[in-house]
């Protein structure tokens, strides 16, 4: 479209508002254009990005280790809580069988 506006290519619109390009002009224009640069290899990332990436990986590894440690601690706390609840239920049953309730000095 820039080439058409600049007058390098001729183009007309048809009755459906589509552009019709003159084939000879298009071939001539394409032959005159310089070849685009072929960048087969991607640009290397700046060293600062590599440093930042390695630091982010280290932080992620530490966070995963902390998460795993917290998961183990939570599992242990849940087991202790279940054990304490079972002991409490056992003591209540024993107290009710004796008929004295929780307080031994009535």
C-alpha atoms as a PDB file:
ATOM      1  CA  UNK A   1       0.000   0.000   0.000  1.00  0.00           C
ATOM      2  CA  UNK A   2       2.898   2.343   0.692  1.00  0.00           C
ATOM      3  CA  UNK A   3       4.268   1.637  -2.783  1.00  0.00           C
ATOM      4  CA  UNK A   4       0.878   2.401  -4.337  1.00  0.00           C
ATOM      5  CA  UNK A   5       0.614   5.653  -2.398  1.00  0.00           C
ATOM      6  CA  UNK A   6       4.148   6.576  -3.476  1.00  0.00           C
ATOM      7  CA  UNK A   7       3.254   5.900  -7.129  1.00  0.00           C
ATOM      8  CA  UNK A   8       5.632   2.954  -7.566  1.00  0.00           C
ATOM      9  CA  UNK A   9       2.738   0.542  -8.190  1.00  0.00           C
ATOM     10  CA  UNK A  10      -0.578   0.965  -9.938  1.00  0.00           C
ATOM     11  CA  UNK A  11      -3.616  -0.437  -8.187  1.00  0.00           C
ATOM     12  CA  UNK A  12      -7.351  -0.103  -8.694  1.00  0.00           C
ATOM     13  CA  UNK A  13     -10.329  -1.216  -6.698  1.00  0.00           C
ATOM     14  CA  UNK A  14     -12.966  -3.497  -8.140  1.00  0.00           C
ATOM     15  CA  UNK A  15     -16.686  -3.325  -7.410  1.00  0.00           C
ATOM     16  CA  UNK A  16     -16.179  -5.460  -4.227  1.00  0.00           C
ATOM     17  CA  UNK A  17     -13.630  -2.949  -2.889  1.00  0.00           C
ATOM     18  CA  UNK A  18     -10.710  -5.367  -3.402  1.00  0.00           C
ATOM     19  CA  UNK A  19      -7.406  -4.103  -4.736  1.00  0.00           C
ATOM     20  CA  UNK A  20      -6.340  -5.161  -8.228  1.00  0.00           C
ATOM     21  CA  UNK A  21      -2.617  -4.837  -8.849  1.00  0.00           C
ATOM     22  CA  UNK A  22      -0.984  -4.630 -12.247  1.00  0.00           C
ATOM     23  CA  UNK A  23       1.109  -7.820 -12.548  1.00  0.00           C
ATOM     24  CA  UNK A  24       3.912  -6.289 -14.645  1.00  0.00           C
ATOM     25  CA  UNK A  25       4.314  -3.371 -12.229  1.00  0.00           C
ATOM     26  CA  UNK A  26       4.303  -5.765  -9.282  1.00  0.00           C
ATOM     27  CA  UNK A  27       7.053  -7.929 -10.830  1.00  0.00           C
ATOM     28  CA  UNK A  28       9.159  -4.863 -11.692  1.00  0.00           C
ATOM     29  CA  UNK A  29       8.703  -3.418  -8.215  1.00  0.00           C
ATOM     30  CA  UNK A  30       9.587  -6.738  -6.511  1.00  0.00           C
ATOM     31  CA  UNK A  31      12.760  -7.065  -8.628  1.00  0.00           C
ATOM     32  CA  UNK A  32      13.904  -3.557  -7.644  1.00  0.00           C
ATOM     33  CA  UNK A  33      13.417  -4.098  -3.938  1.00  0.00           C
ATOM     34  CA  UNK A  34      16.474  -5.101  -1.927  1.00  0.00           C
ATOM     35  CA  UNK A  35      16.490  -8.629  -0.532  1.00  0.00           C
ATOM     36  CA  UNK A  36      15.487  -8.806   3.128  1.00  0.00           C
ATOM     37  CA  UNK A  37      18.244  -9.697   5.521  1.00  0.00           C
ATOM     38  CA  UNK A  38      18.143 -13.359   6.429  1.00  0.00           C
ATOM     39  CA  UNK A  39      18.690 -13.774  10.126  1.00  0.00           C
ATOM     40  CA  UNK A  40      19.039 -17.535  10.429  1.00  0.00           C
ATOM     41  CA  UNK A  41      20.594 -17.388  13.889  1.00  0.00           C
ATOM     42  CA  UNK A  42      18.621 -15.760  16.691  1.00  0.00           C
ATOM     43  CA  UNK A  43      20.310 -12.974  18.523  1.00  0.00           C
ATOM     44  CA  UNK A  44      22.146 -14.061  21.641  1.00  0.00           C
ATOM     45  CA  UNK A  45      20.512 -13.004  24.874  1.00  0.00           C
ATOM     46  CA  UNK A  46      22.422 -10.367  26.794  1.00  0.00           C
ATOM     47  CA  UNK A  47      24.548 -11.738  29.652  1.00  0.00           C
ATOM     48  CA  UNK A  48      22.434  -9.853  32.189  1.00  0.00           C
ATOM     49  CA  UNK A  49      19.420 -11.921  31.158  1.00  0.00           C
ATOM     50  CA  UNK A  50      21.350 -15.153  31.684  1.00  0.00           C
ATOM     51  CA  UNK A  51      22.336 -14.017  35.180  1.00  0.00           C
ATOM     52  CA  UNK A  52      18.761 -13.035  35.968  1.00  0.00           C
ATOM     53  CA  UNK A  53      17.503 -16.371  34.640  1.00  0.00           C
ATOM     54  CA  UNK A  54      19.937 -18.385  36.757  1.00  0.00           C
ATOM     55  CA  UNK A  55      19.004 -16.364  39.864  1.00  0.00           C
ATOM     56  CA  UNK A  56      15.309 -16.961  39.183  1.00  0.00           C
ATOM     57  CA  UNK A  57      15.958 -20.692  38.826  1.00  0.00           C
ATOM     58  CA  UNK A  58      17.808 -20.720  42.163  1.00  0.00           C
ATOM     59  CA  UNK A  59      14.950 -18.872  43.874  1.00  0.00           C
ATOM     60  CA  UNK A  60      12.444 -21.323  42.399  1.00  0.00           C
ATOM     61  CA  UNK A  61      14.490 -24.303  43.616  1.00  0.00           C
ATOM     62  CA  UNK A  62      14.680 -22.821  47.144  1.00  0.00           C
ATOM     63  CA  UNK A  63      10.944 -22.144  47.143  1.00  0.00           C
ATOM     64  CA  UNK A  64      10.224 -25.721  46.043  1.00  0.00           C
ATOM     65  CA  UNK A  65      12.460 -27.052  48.832  1.00  0.00           C
ATOM     66  CA  UNK A  66      10.704 -24.860  51.379  1.00  0.00           C
ATOM     67  CA  UNK A  67       7.316 -26.001  50.062  1.00  0.00           C
ATOM     68  CA  UNK A  68       8.328 -29.650  50.402  1.00  0.00           C
ATOM     69  CA  UNK A  69       9.574 -29.054  53.950  1.00  0.00           C
ATOM     70  CA  UNK A  70       6.326 -27.326  54.884  1.00  0.00           C
ATOM     71  CA  UNK A  71       4.343 -30.193  53.383  1.00  0.00           C
ATOM     72  CA  UNK A  72       6.236 -32.691  55.585  1.00  0.00           C
ATOM     73  CA  UNK A  73       5.758 -30.505  58.675  1.00  0.00           C
ATOM     74  CA  UNK A  74       2.034 -30.200  57.953  1.00  0.00           C
ATOM     75  CA  UNK A  75       1.675 -33.968  57.590  1.00  0.00           C
ATOM     76  CA  UNK A  76       3.457 -34.495  60.921  1.00  0.00           C
ATOM     77  CA  UNK A  77       1.283 -31.865  62.636  1.00  0.00           C
ATOM     78  CA  UNK A  78      -1.859 -33.510  61.272  1.00  0.00           C
ATOM     79  CA  UNK A  79      -0.731 -36.887  62.637  1.00  0.00           C
ATOM     80  CA  UNK A  80      -0.017 -35.342  66.076  1.00  0.00           C
ATOM     81  CA  UNK A  81      -3.439 -33.659  66.061  1.00  0.00           C
ATOM     82  CA  UNK A  82      -5.177 -36.932  65.199  1.00  0.00           C
ATOM     83  CA  UNK A  83      -3.240 -38.690  67.950  1.00  0.00           C
ATOM     84  CA  UNK A  84      -4.161 -35.994  70.484  1.00  0.00           C
ATOM     85  CA  UNK A  85      -7.835 -36.180  69.484  1.00  0.00           C
ATOM     86  CA  UNK A  86      -7.800 -39.959  69.861  1.00  0.00           C
ATOM     87  CA  UNK A  87      -6.156 -39.662  73.310  1.00  0.00           C
ATOM     88  CA  UNK A  88      -8.713 -37.042  74.377  1.00  0.00           C
ATOM     89  CA  UNK A  89     -11.592 -39.281  73.293  1.00  0.00           C
ATOM     90  CA  UNK A  90     -10.058 -42.232  75.150  1.00  0.00           C
ATOM     91  CA  UNK A  91      -9.660 -40.196  78.362  1.00  0.00           C
ATOM     92  CA  UNK A  92     -13.234 -38.887  78.161  1.00  0.00           C
ATOM     93  CA  UNK A  93     -14.618 -42.389  77.780  1.00  0.00           C
ATOM     94  CA  UNK A  94     -12.573 -43.580  80.755  1.00  0.00           C
ATOM     95  CA  UNK A  95     -13.779 -40.649  82.879  1.00  0.00           C
ATOM     96  CA  UNK A  96     -17.422 -41.213  81.926  1.00  0.00           C
ATOM     97  CA  UNK A  97     -17.129 -44.896  82.866  1.00  0.00           C
ATOM     98  CA  UNK A  98     -15.861 -43.899  86.287  1.00  0.00           C
ATOM     99  CA  UNK A  99     -18.738 -41.426  86.559  1.00  0.00           C
ATOM    100  CA  UNK A 100     -16.600 -38.646  87.901  1.00  0.00           C
ATOM    101  CA  UNK A 101     -16.171 -36.572  84.752  1.00  0.00           C
ATOM    102  CA  UNK A 102     -12.871 -34.900  84.022  1.00  0.00           C
ATOM    103  CA  UNK A 103     -12.094 -33.528  87.448  1.00  0.00           C
ATOM    104  CA  UNK A 104     -10.924 -36.343  89.718  1.00  0.00           C
ATOM    105  CA  UNK A 105     -11.666 -34.500  93.034  1.00  0.00           C
ATOM    106  CA  UNK A 106     -15.438 -34.181  93.345  1.00  0.00           C
END
